[in-house]
């Protein structure tokens, strides 16, 4: 199972990862984005490439 890490220090809460993820791994909680369904990640790497501040890493 892939390990998804979202660096809160870099994240600007643009929500691009939420919109691009086909598996619903990310969600908005309050005023921030969180990894909520890590087990659903298929390591497509779409979120990694789409994040404008390189706040996401996915390790297989």
C-alpha atoms as a PDB file:
ATOM      1  CA  UNK A   1       0.000   0.000   0.000  1.00  0.00           C
ATOM      2  CA  UNK A   2       1.381   3.441  -0.901  1.00  0.00           C
ATOM      3  CA  UNK A   3       2.278   5.902   1.846  1.00  0.00           C
ATOM      4  CA  UNK A   4       0.910   9.385   1.199  1.00  0.00           C
ATOM      5  CA  UNK A   5       2.497  12.335   2.968  1.00  0.00           C
ATOM      6  CA  UNK A   6       1.152  15.875   2.861  1.00  0.00           C
ATOM      7  CA  UNK A   7       3.639  18.424   4.200  1.00  0.00           C
ATOM      8  CA  UNK A   8       1.527  20.924   6.133  1.00  0.00           C
ATOM      9  CA  UNK A   9       4.429  23.375   6.180  1.00  0.00           C
ATOM     10  CA  UNK A  10       4.361  23.624   2.397  1.00  0.00           C
ATOM     11  CA  UNK A  11       0.640  23.095   1.683  1.00  0.00           C
ATOM     12  CA  UNK A  12      -1.228  26.253   0.647  1.00  0.00           C
ATOM     13  CA  UNK A  13      -4.672  24.577   0.770  1.00  0.00           C
ATOM     14  CA  UNK A  14      -5.316  25.112  -2.932  1.00  0.00           C
ATOM     15  CA  UNK A  15      -7.326  21.859  -2.996  1.00  0.00           C
ATOM     16  CA  UNK A  16      -5.844  20.755  -6.322  1.00  0.00           C
ATOM     17  CA  UNK A  17      -5.113  17.323  -4.837  1.00  0.00           C
ATOM     18  CA  UNK A  18      -8.770  16.930  -3.872  1.00  0.00           C
ATOM     19  CA  UNK A  19      -9.976  17.676  -7.379  1.00  0.00           C
ATOM     20  CA  UNK A  20      -7.376  15.583  -9.210  1.00  0.00           C
ATOM     21  CA  UNK A  21      -7.384  12.430  -7.059  1.00  0.00           C
ATOM     22  CA  UNK A  22      -9.577   9.736  -8.665  1.00  0.00           C
ATOM     23  CA  UNK A  23      -9.728   7.752  -5.431  1.00  0.00           C
ATOM     24  CA  UNK A  24     -10.799  10.428  -2.929  1.00  0.00           C
ATOM     25  CA  UNK A  25      -7.646  10.172  -0.838  1.00  0.00           C
ATOM     26  CA  UNK A  26      -7.815  13.855   0.172  1.00  0.00           C
ATOM     27  CA  UNK A  27     -10.558  15.926   1.766  1.00  0.00           C
ATOM     28  CA  UNK A  28     -11.032  19.386   3.153  1.00  0.00           C
ATOM     29  CA  UNK A  29     -11.394  19.379   6.919  1.00  0.00           C
ATOM     30  CA  UNK A  30     -12.001  22.775   8.420  1.00  0.00           C
ATOM     31  CA  UNK A  31      -9.673  25.161   6.650  1.00  0.00           C
ATOM     32  CA  UNK A  32      -7.059  22.611   5.614  1.00  0.00           C
ATOM     33  CA  UNK A  33      -6.546  19.641   3.317  1.00  0.00           C
ATOM     34  CA  UNK A  34      -5.923  16.238   4.884  1.00  0.00           C
ATOM     35  CA  UNK A  35      -5.148  12.705   3.769  1.00  0.00           C
ATOM     36  CA  UNK A  36      -8.309  10.859   4.794  1.00  0.00           C
ATOM     37  CA  UNK A  37      -8.368   7.642   2.748  1.00  0.00           C
ATOM     38  CA  UNK A  38      -4.719   6.667   2.321  1.00  0.00           C
ATOM     39  CA  UNK A  39      -5.660   2.996   1.847  1.00  0.00           C
ATOM     40  CA  UNK A  40      -7.500   3.937  -1.369  1.00  0.00           C
ATOM     41  CA  UNK A  41      -4.376   5.405  -3.015  1.00  0.00           C
ATOM     42  CA  UNK A  42      -3.382   3.662  -6.262  1.00  0.00           C
ATOM     43  CA  UNK A  43      -0.091   5.585  -6.586  1.00  0.00           C
ATOM     44  CA  UNK A  44      -1.109   7.225  -9.870  1.00  0.00           C
ATOM     45  CA  UNK A  45       1.059  10.203  -8.825  1.00  0.00           C
ATOM     46  CA  UNK A  46      -1.424  12.717 -10.238  1.00  0.00           C
ATOM     47  CA  UNK A  47      -1.463  14.662  -6.997  1.00  0.00           C
ATOM     48  CA  UNK A  48       2.320  14.787  -6.814  1.00  0.00           C
ATOM     49  CA  UNK A  49       2.576  16.316 -10.281  1.00  0.00           C
ATOM     50  CA  UNK A  50      -0.344  18.686  -9.774  1.00  0.00           C
ATOM     51  CA  UNK A  51       0.690  20.148  -6.415  1.00  0.00           C
ATOM     52  CA  UNK A  52       2.039  23.651  -7.136  1.00  0.00           C
ATOM     53  CA  UNK A  53       4.230  23.701  -4.005  1.00  0.00           C
ATOM     54  CA  UNK A  54       5.492  20.086  -4.021  1.00  0.00           C
ATOM     55  CA  UNK A  55       3.848  19.343  -0.671  1.00  0.00           C
ATOM     56  CA  UNK A  56       2.866  15.757  -1.522  1.00  0.00           C
ATOM     57  CA  UNK A  57       4.966  12.619  -1.629  1.00  0.00           C
ATOM     58  CA  UNK A  58       3.760   9.119  -2.433  1.00  0.00           C
ATOM     59  CA  UNK A  59       6.003   6.167  -1.601  1.00  0.00           C
ATOM     60  CA  UNK A  60       5.191   2.715  -2.888  1.00  0.00           C
END
